[in-house]
Amino acid sequence: RSTPLYSSAASDVYKRQAQKLTPMARLVGYDVLLLDPRPAFASAARFPNVEIINEWPQEAMPKLSLDSRSAVVTLSHDAKIDEPALRAALESEAFYIGALGSKRNHSKRLERLGAAGFDDAALARVCGPIGLPLGGRSPAEIAIAIIAQMTQARYLSS
């Protein structure tokens, strides 16, 4: 049974990140589900052979079976999309939760999640900026860093 990876798509600027991460994740055994309410960004044309749900995370996430074998990655850079997905992930046993964004944006994100009632232990589960610090800059290099961090969490945290 493959491991589910739930990911948000991305705006035009960041779509390359999701487009690089998706095939790499599938290559290492993840069953990728792309969740984004914007069909212009999350479409079969941009993400062939990937299951896509064009719903808001607060609507779609409760229907998913997030468990200790699940990974959740947010890449949209839009708090209205990413943070509901992160809240659902934090309320689950997902083994990996990661969010794309700068250290400054991540700090603000954690403040908002803390104000929503998540304690420091829960907030520590959110990897951000996402990926191991390998120094990569291109979308493919960042995808490698994300896959590496997910692999580390999957095998070294259990």
N, C-alpha and C. Protein backbone atom coordinates (compact mmCIF):
# COMPACT_ATOMS: atom_id res chain seq x y z
N ARG A 1 0.85 -1.19 0.00
CA ARG A 1 0.00 0.00 0.00
C ARG A 1 0.88 1.24 0.00
N SER A 2 0.64 2.14 -0.94
CA SER A 2 1.48 3.34 -1.02
C SER A 2 1.08 4.35 0.05
N THR A 3 1.97 5.27 0.30
CA THR A 3 1.74 6.30 1.31
C THR A 3 1.09 7.50 0.66
N PRO A 4 -0.02 7.99 1.22
CA PRO A 4 -0.68 9.14 0.61
C PRO A 4 0.08 10.44 0.88
N LEU A 5 0.17 11.27 -0.15
CA LEU A 5 0.72 12.61 -0.04
C LEU A 5 -0.35 13.56 -0.52
N TYR A 6 -0.80 14.43 0.35
CA TYR A 6 -1.81 15.42 0.02
C TYR A 6 -1.10 16.75 -0.15
N SER A 7 -1.28 17.38 -1.30
CA SER A 7 -0.57 18.61 -1.59
C SER A 7 -1.50 19.64 -2.19
N SER A 8 -1.24 20.90 -1.87
CA SER A 8 -1.93 21.98 -2.58
C SER A 8 -1.14 22.23 -3.85
N ALA A 9 -1.80 22.77 -4.85
CA ALA A 9 -1.10 23.11 -6.10
C ALA A 9 -0.33 24.39 -5.85
N ALA A 10 -0.33 25.26 -6.79
CA ALA A 10 0.41 26.49 -6.60
C ALA A 10 -0.01 27.50 -7.64
N SER A 11 0.24 28.76 -7.32
CA SER A 11 -0.04 29.81 -8.27
C SER A 11 0.91 29.68 -9.45
N ASP A 12 0.75 30.53 -10.44
CA ASP A 12 1.64 30.48 -11.60
C ASP A 12 3.11 30.57 -11.22
N VAL A 13 3.41 31.40 -10.23
CA VAL A 13 4.80 31.58 -9.83
C VAL A 13 5.37 30.30 -9.24
N TYR A 14 4.57 29.57 -8.44
CA TYR A 14 5.07 28.41 -7.72
C TYR A 14 4.64 27.07 -8.30
N LYS A 15 3.93 27.08 -9.43
CA LYS A 15 3.43 25.83 -9.98
C LYS A 15 4.56 24.87 -10.32
N ARG A 16 5.70 25.41 -10.73
CA ARG A 16 6.83 24.54 -11.08
C ARG A 16 7.24 23.69 -9.88
N GLN A 17 7.08 24.24 -8.67
CA GLN A 17 7.44 23.47 -7.48
C GLN A 17 6.56 22.24 -7.36
N ALA A 18 5.27 22.42 -7.48
CA ALA A 18 4.35 21.28 -7.40
C ALA A 18 4.55 20.34 -8.57
N GLN A 19 4.84 20.88 -9.74
CA GLN A 19 5.04 20.04 -10.92
C GLN A 19 6.32 19.21 -10.81
N LYS A 20 7.30 19.66 -10.08
CA LYS A 20 8.52 18.86 -9.86
C LYS A 20 8.32 17.87 -8.72
N LEU A 21 7.65 18.30 -7.65
CA LEU A 21 7.47 17.44 -6.49
C LEU A 21 6.60 16.24 -6.80
N THR A 22 5.54 16.44 -7.55
CA THR A 22 4.57 15.37 -7.80
C THR A 22 5.19 14.12 -8.41
N PRO A 23 5.92 14.21 -9.53
CA PRO A 23 6.49 12.97 -10.09
C PRO A 23 7.58 12.37 -9.20
N MET A 24 8.34 13.21 -8.50
CA MET A 24 9.36 12.68 -7.59
C MET A 24 8.71 11.91 -6.46
N ALA A 25 7.63 12.45 -5.92
CA ALA A 25 6.93 11.78 -4.82
C ALA A 25 6.37 10.45 -5.29
N ARG A 26 5.82 10.43 -6.48
CA ARG A 26 5.28 9.18 -7.02
C ARG A 26 6.40 8.16 -7.23
N LEU A 27 7.56 8.63 -7.68
CA LEU A 27 8.70 7.75 -7.93
C LEU A 27 9.15 7.03 -6.66
N VAL A 28 9.06 7.70 -5.51
CA VAL A 28 9.49 7.09 -4.26
C VAL A 28 8.34 6.44 -3.48
N GLY A 29 7.18 6.29 -4.13
CA GLY A 29 6.12 5.49 -3.54
C GLY A 29 4.94 6.22 -2.93
N TYR A 30 4.84 7.52 -3.12
CA TYR A 30 3.70 8.25 -2.59
C TYR A 30 2.55 8.23 -3.59
N ASP A 31 1.35 8.12 -3.07
CA ASP A 31 0.13 8.21 -3.85
C ASP A 31 -0.33 9.67 -3.73
N VAL A 32 -0.06 10.47 -4.76
CA VAL A 32 -0.25 11.92 -4.67
C VAL A 32 -1.69 12.30 -4.97
N LEU A 33 -2.23 13.15 -4.10
CA LEU A 33 -3.53 13.76 -4.31
C LEU A 33 -3.31 15.27 -4.25
N LEU A 34 -3.69 15.96 -5.29
CA LEU A 34 -3.51 17.40 -5.38
C LEU A 34 -4.83 18.07 -5.03
N LEU A 35 -4.79 18.97 -4.08
CA LEU A 35 -5.99 19.63 -3.58
C LEU A 35 -5.83 21.13 -3.75
N ASP A 36 -6.66 21.72 -4.60
CA ASP A 36 -6.61 23.16 -4.81
C ASP A 36 -7.95 23.58 -5.40
N PRO A 37 -8.58 24.62 -4.85
CA PRO A 37 -9.90 25.02 -5.34
C PRO A 37 -9.87 25.69 -6.70
N ARG A 38 -8.68 25.98 -7.21
CA ARG A 38 -8.55 26.76 -8.45
C ARG A 38 -8.22 25.84 -9.63
N PRO A 39 -9.21 25.50 -10.45
CA PRO A 39 -8.96 24.61 -11.59
C PRO A 39 -7.92 25.15 -12.56
N ALA A 40 -7.74 26.46 -12.59
CA ALA A 40 -6.72 27.03 -13.48
C ALA A 40 -5.31 26.60 -13.06
N PHE A 41 -5.13 26.33 -11.78
CA PHE A 41 -3.82 25.93 -11.28
C PHE A 41 -3.69 24.44 -11.06
N ALA A 42 -4.76 23.79 -10.67
CA ALA A 42 -4.74 22.34 -10.43
C ALA A 42 -5.62 21.68 -11.48
N SER A 43 -5.00 21.31 -12.57
CA SER A 43 -5.74 20.72 -13.68
C SER A 43 -4.98 19.51 -14.22
N ALA A 44 -5.70 18.66 -14.93
CA ALA A 44 -5.07 17.48 -15.54
C ALA A 44 -4.03 17.90 -16.58
N ALA A 45 -4.21 19.05 -17.20
CA ALA A 45 -3.23 19.52 -18.18
C ALA A 45 -1.89 19.82 -17.50
N ARG A 46 -1.95 20.40 -16.33
CA ARG A 46 -0.72 20.72 -15.59
C ARG A 46 -0.18 19.53 -14.81
N PHE A 47 -1.08 18.65 -14.37
CA PHE A 47 -0.69 17.52 -13.54
C PHE A 47 -1.30 16.24 -14.09
N PRO A 48 -0.76 15.73 -15.20
CA PRO A 48 -1.34 14.52 -15.79
C PRO A 48 -1.17 13.31 -14.86
N ASN A 49 -2.17 12.44 -14.87
CA ASN A 49 -2.14 11.19 -14.11
C ASN A 49 -2.06 11.39 -12.60
N VAL A 50 -2.57 12.52 -12.11
CA VAL A 50 -2.59 12.81 -10.68
C VAL A 50 -4.05 13.04 -10.28
N GLU A 51 -4.44 12.46 -9.15
CA GLU A 51 -5.78 12.71 -8.65
C GLU A 51 -5.87 14.15 -8.16
N ILE A 52 -6.88 14.88 -8.65
CA ILE A 52 -7.04 16.29 -8.31
C ILE A 52 -8.42 16.51 -7.71
N ILE A 53 -8.46 17.27 -6.63
CA ILE A 53 -9.72 17.69 -6.02
C ILE A 53 -9.75 19.21 -6.07
N ASN A 54 -10.67 19.77 -6.82
CA ASN A 54 -10.82 21.22 -6.91
C ASN A 54 -11.85 21.71 -5.91
N GLU A 55 -11.49 21.61 -4.63
CA GLU A 55 -12.34 22.09 -3.53
C GLU A 55 -11.45 22.84 -2.55
N TRP A 56 -12.07 23.65 -1.72
CA TRP A 56 -11.34 24.33 -0.66
C TRP A 56 -10.92 23.28 0.38
N PRO A 57 -9.75 23.42 0.97
CA PRO A 57 -9.28 22.44 1.95
C PRO A 57 -10.25 22.21 3.10
N GLN A 58 -10.91 23.26 3.58
CA GLN A 58 -11.83 23.08 4.70
C GLN A 58 -13.02 22.21 4.31
N GLU A 59 -13.32 22.10 3.02
CA GLU A 59 -14.38 21.22 2.54
C GLU A 59 -13.85 19.81 2.26
N ALA A 60 -12.67 19.75 1.65
CA ALA A 60 -12.14 18.47 1.18
C ALA A 60 -11.40 17.66 2.25
N MET A 61 -10.65 18.32 3.11
CA MET A 61 -9.80 17.60 4.06
C MET A 61 -10.58 16.69 5.00
N PRO A 62 -11.75 17.10 5.49
CA PRO A 62 -12.50 16.19 6.38
C PRO A 62 -12.93 14.89 5.68
N LYS A 63 -13.00 14.89 4.36
CA LYS A 63 -13.40 13.69 3.62
C LYS A 63 -12.23 12.73 3.41
N LEU A 64 -11.01 13.21 3.65
CA LEU A 64 -9.81 12.39 3.43
C LEU A 64 -9.50 11.60 4.70
N SER A 65 -8.79 10.54 4.53
CA SER A 65 -8.41 9.70 5.68
C SER A 65 -6.96 9.96 6.05
N LEU A 66 -6.73 11.10 6.69
CA LEU A 66 -5.37 11.42 7.14
C LEU A 66 -5.04 10.54 8.33
N ASP A 67 -3.93 9.81 8.23
CA ASP A 67 -3.51 8.94 9.33
C ASP A 67 -2.00 9.00 9.46
N SER A 68 -1.44 8.12 10.25
CA SER A 68 0.00 8.15 10.52
C SER A 68 0.85 7.78 9.30
N ARG A 69 0.22 7.37 8.21
CA ARG A 69 0.94 7.09 6.98
C ARG A 69 0.85 8.23 5.98
N SER A 70 0.18 9.32 6.37
CA SER A 70 -0.08 10.44 5.47
C SER A 70 0.95 11.55 5.63
N ALA A 71 1.23 12.19 4.50
CA ALA A 71 2.05 13.40 4.47
C ALA A 71 1.22 14.51 3.86
N VAL A 72 1.37 15.71 4.38
CA VAL A 72 0.64 16.87 3.87
C VAL A 72 1.66 17.97 3.57
N VAL A 73 1.61 18.47 2.34
CA VAL A 73 2.52 19.51 1.89
C VAL A 73 1.69 20.65 1.32
N THR A 74 1.95 21.88 1.77
CA THR A 74 1.24 23.02 1.22
C THR A 74 2.22 23.87 0.43
N LEU A 75 1.82 24.22 -0.79
CA LEU A 75 2.70 24.92 -1.71
C LEU A 75 2.07 26.16 -2.34
N SER A 76 0.87 26.52 -1.95
CA SER A 76 0.17 27.57 -2.68
C SER A 76 0.64 28.99 -2.36
N HIS A 77 1.25 29.19 -1.21
CA HIS A 77 1.62 30.54 -0.75
C HIS A 77 0.39 31.41 -0.55
N ASP A 78 -0.74 30.79 -0.31
CA ASP A 78 -1.99 31.51 -0.05
C ASP A 78 -2.56 30.97 1.25
N ALA A 79 -2.59 31.81 2.27
CA ALA A 79 -3.04 31.38 3.60
C ALA A 79 -4.46 30.83 3.57
N LYS A 80 -5.30 31.34 2.67
CA LYS A 80 -6.69 30.86 2.59
C LYS A 80 -6.76 29.41 2.13
N ILE A 81 -5.72 28.95 1.45
CA ILE A 81 -5.66 27.57 0.97
C ILE A 81 -4.79 26.72 1.90
N ASP A 82 -3.62 27.24 2.21
CA ASP A 82 -2.65 26.45 2.98
C ASP A 82 -3.07 26.23 4.43
N GLU A 83 -3.54 27.25 5.09
CA GLU A 83 -3.78 27.12 6.53
C GLU A 83 -4.93 26.20 6.90
N PRO A 84 -6.04 26.17 6.17
CA PRO A 84 -7.04 25.15 6.48
C PRO A 84 -6.49 23.73 6.31
N ALA A 85 -5.64 23.53 5.30
CA ALA A 85 -5.02 22.22 5.11
C ALA A 85 -4.08 21.90 6.26
N LEU A 86 -3.33 22.89 6.70
CA LEU A 86 -2.42 22.68 7.83
C LEU A 86 -3.19 22.39 9.12
N ARG A 87 -4.30 23.09 9.33
CA ARG A 87 -5.11 22.82 10.53
C ARG A 87 -5.63 21.38 10.52
N ALA A 88 -6.10 20.93 9.36
CA ALA A 88 -6.59 19.54 9.26
C ALA A 88 -5.45 18.56 9.50
N ALA A 89 -4.28 18.86 8.96
CA ALA A 89 -3.13 17.98 9.16
C ALA A 89 -2.73 17.92 10.62
N LEU A 90 -2.74 19.07 11.30
CA LEU A 90 -2.37 19.12 12.71
C LEU A 90 -3.37 18.38 13.59
N GLU A 91 -4.60 18.29 13.14
CA GLU A 91 -5.61 17.55 13.90
C GLU A 91 -5.57 16.05 13.60
N SER A 92 -4.65 15.65 12.73
CA SER A 92 -4.52 14.25 12.34
C SER A 92 -3.21 13.69 12.90
N GLU A 93 -2.95 12.44 12.54
CA GLU A 93 -1.70 11.80 12.93
C GLU A 93 -0.70 11.79 11.77
N ALA A 94 -0.87 12.66 10.78
CA ALA A 94 0.05 12.70 9.63
C ALA A 94 1.50 12.70 10.12
N PHE A 95 2.32 11.86 9.49
CA PHE A 95 3.72 11.77 9.93
C PHE A 95 4.55 12.95 9.45
N TYR A 96 4.07 13.65 8.42
CA TYR A 96 4.82 14.78 7.89
C TYR A 96 3.86 15.89 7.51
N ILE A 97 4.19 17.11 7.93
CA ILE A 97 3.44 18.30 7.57
C ILE A 97 4.46 19.35 7.18
N GLY A 98 4.38 19.84 5.96
CA GLY A 98 5.34 20.83 5.49
C GLY A 98 4.66 21.96 4.75
N ALA A 99 5.24 23.16 4.85
CA ALA A 99 4.67 24.34 4.22
C ALA A 99 5.76 25.16 3.55
N LEU A 100 5.55 25.45 2.28
CA LEU A 100 6.47 26.29 1.51
C LEU A 100 6.34 27.73 1.99
N GLY A 101 7.45 28.42 2.05
CA GLY A 101 7.43 29.84 2.43
C GLY A 101 8.71 30.22 3.14
N SER A 102 8.93 31.51 3.22
CA SER A 102 10.12 32.03 3.87
C SER A 102 10.02 31.85 5.39
N LYS A 103 11.13 32.06 6.08
CA LYS A 103 11.13 31.99 7.54
C LYS A 103 10.16 33.02 8.12
N ARG A 104 10.13 34.19 7.53
CA ARG A 104 9.23 35.25 8.00
C ARG A 104 7.77 34.83 7.83
N ASN A 105 7.43 34.34 6.65
CA ASN A 105 6.06 33.89 6.41
C ASN A 105 5.69 32.71 7.31
N HIS A 106 6.65 31.81 7.53
CA HIS A 106 6.38 30.66 8.38
C HIS A 106 6.11 31.11 9.81
N SER A 107 6.88 32.07 10.29
CA SER A 107 6.67 32.59 11.64
C SER A 107 5.27 33.19 11.79
N LYS A 108 4.84 33.96 10.79
CA LYS A 108 3.49 34.54 10.82
C LYS A 108 2.43 33.45 10.76
N ARG A 109 2.68 32.43 9.94
CA ARG A 109 1.75 31.30 9.81
C ARG A 109 1.59 30.61 11.17
N LEU A 110 2.71 30.36 11.85
CA LEU A 110 2.65 29.71 13.16
C LEU A 110 1.91 30.57 14.19
N GLU A 111 2.08 31.90 14.11
CA GLU A 111 1.34 32.78 15.01
C GLU A 111 -0.17 32.63 14.79
N ARG A 112 -0.59 32.60 13.53
CA ARG A 112 -2.02 32.45 13.23
C ARG A 112 -2.54 31.09 13.69
N LEU A 113 -1.75 30.04 13.46
CA LEU A 113 -2.18 28.70 13.89
C LEU A 113 -2.22 28.62 15.42
N GLY A 114 -1.27 29.28 16.08
CA GLY A 114 -1.28 29.33 17.54
C GLY A 114 -2.52 30.06 18.05
N ALA A 115 -2.87 31.14 17.39
CA ALA A 115 -4.08 31.89 17.78
C ALA A 115 -5.34 31.06 17.55
N ALA A 116 -5.25 30.09 16.63
CA ALA A 116 -6.39 29.20 16.37
C ALA A 116 -6.47 28.06 17.38
N GLY A 117 -5.51 28.02 18.33
CA GLY A 117 -5.60 27.05 19.41
C GLY A 117 -4.58 25.94 19.41
N PHE A 118 -3.66 25.94 18.47
CA PHE A 118 -2.64 24.88 18.44
C PHE A 118 -1.49 25.26 19.36
N ASP A 119 -1.06 24.30 20.19
CA ASP A 119 0.02 24.57 21.14
C ASP A 119 1.39 24.42 20.46
N ASP A 120 2.44 24.72 21.22
CA ASP A 120 3.81 24.70 20.67
C ASP A 120 4.19 23.32 20.15
N ALA A 121 3.76 22.27 20.83
CA ALA A 121 4.09 20.91 20.38
C ALA A 121 3.46 20.63 19.03
N ALA A 122 2.22 21.06 18.85
CA ALA A 122 1.56 20.86 17.55
C ALA A 122 2.25 21.69 16.48
N LEU A 123 2.54 22.94 16.79
CA LEU A 123 3.17 23.82 15.80
C LEU A 123 4.54 23.32 15.39
N ALA A 124 5.24 22.65 16.28
CA ALA A 124 6.57 22.11 15.96
C ALA A 124 6.49 21.01 14.89
N ARG A 125 5.31 20.47 14.67
CA ARG A 125 5.14 19.43 13.64
C ARG A 125 5.17 20.00 12.22
N VAL A 126 4.97 21.31 12.08
CA VAL A 126 4.93 21.93 10.75
C VAL A 126 6.35 22.28 10.32
N CYS A 127 6.83 21.61 9.30
CA CYS A 127 8.17 21.87 8.76
C CYS A 127 8.09 23.08 7.85
N GLY A 128 8.81 24.11 8.19
CA GLY A 128 8.82 25.30 7.37
C GLY A 128 10.00 26.17 7.76
N PRO A 129 10.64 26.79 6.83
CA PRO A 129 10.47 26.52 5.41
C PRO A 129 10.68 25.04 5.09
N ILE A 130 9.89 24.56 4.19
CA ILE A 130 9.84 23.14 3.86
C ILE A 130 11.15 22.62 3.26
N GLY A 131 11.47 21.38 3.57
CA GLY A 131 12.63 20.71 2.97
C GLY A 131 13.88 20.78 3.83
N LEU A 132 14.74 19.78 3.66
CA LEU A 132 16.03 19.81 4.35
C LEU A 132 16.88 20.93 3.76
N PRO A 133 17.72 21.57 4.58
CA PRO A 133 18.52 22.69 4.09
C PRO A 133 19.71 22.21 3.24
N LEU A 134 19.41 21.86 2.00
CA LEU A 134 20.44 21.36 1.09
C LEU A 134 21.06 22.46 0.24
N GLY A 135 20.48 23.65 0.32
CA GLY A 135 21.01 24.78 -0.44
C GLY A 135 20.45 24.90 -1.85
N GLY A 136 19.52 24.05 -2.22
CA GLY A 136 18.96 24.10 -3.56
C GLY A 136 18.13 25.34 -3.80
N ARG A 137 18.07 25.74 -5.07
CA ARG A 137 17.30 26.94 -5.43
C ARG A 137 16.27 26.68 -6.51
N SER A 138 16.53 25.74 -7.39
CA SER A 138 15.59 25.48 -8.49
C SER A 138 14.40 24.67 -7.95
N PRO A 139 13.28 24.70 -8.66
CA PRO A 139 12.14 23.90 -8.22
C PRO A 139 12.47 22.41 -8.04
N ALA A 140 13.27 21.85 -8.92
CA ALA A 140 13.64 20.44 -8.79
C ALA A 140 14.51 20.21 -7.56
N GLU A 141 15.44 21.11 -7.30
CA GLU A 141 16.31 20.97 -6.12
C GLU A 141 15.51 21.10 -4.82
N ILE A 142 14.54 22.01 -4.81
CA ILE A 142 13.69 22.17 -3.64
C ILE A 142 12.82 20.94 -3.46
N ALA A 143 12.33 20.38 -4.56
CA ALA A 143 11.53 19.14 -4.48
C ALA A 143 12.36 18.01 -3.88
N ILE A 144 13.62 17.90 -4.26
CA ILE A 144 14.51 16.89 -3.69
C ILE A 144 14.64 17.09 -2.18
N ALA A 145 14.79 18.36 -1.75
CA ALA A 145 14.90 18.66 -0.32
C ALA A 145 13.62 18.29 0.43
N ILE A 146 12.46 18.51 -0.21
CA ILE A 146 11.19 18.15 0.42
C ILE A 146 11.08 16.64 0.55
N ILE A 147 11.38 15.92 -0.53
CA ILE A 147 11.32 14.45 -0.50
C ILE A 147 12.29 13.91 0.56
N ALA A 148 13.47 14.51 0.65
CA ALA A 148 14.46 14.07 1.64
C ALA A 148 13.92 14.28 3.06
N GLN A 149 13.29 15.43 3.32
CA GLN A 149 12.75 15.69 4.65
C GLN A 149 11.59 14.75 4.97
N MET A 150 10.75 14.48 3.98
CA MET A 150 9.65 13.53 4.17
C MET A 150 10.19 12.14 4.48
N THR A 151 11.23 11.75 3.77
CA THR A 151 11.84 10.42 3.98
C THR A 151 12.43 10.35 5.38
N GLN A 152 13.10 11.41 5.78
CA GLN A 152 13.68 11.46 7.13
C GLN A 152 12.58 11.33 8.18
N ALA A 153 11.49 12.07 8.01
CA ALA A 153 10.39 12.01 8.98
C ALA A 153 9.75 10.64 8.98
N ARG A 154 9.64 10.05 7.82
CA ARG A 154 8.97 8.75 7.70
C ARG A 154 9.74 7.64 8.41
N TYR A 155 11.05 7.65 8.28
CA TYR A 155 11.83 6.53 8.79
C TYR A 155 12.59 6.80 10.07
N LEU A 156 12.97 8.02 10.32
CA LEU A 156 13.78 8.30 11.52
C LEU A 156 12.95 8.74 12.71
N SER A 157 11.70 9.12 12.47
CA SER A 157 10.85 9.59 13.57
C SER A 157 10.03 8.47 14.17
N SER A 158 10.03 7.29 13.53
CA SER A 158 9.19 6.21 14.04
C SER A 158 9.92 5.29 14.98
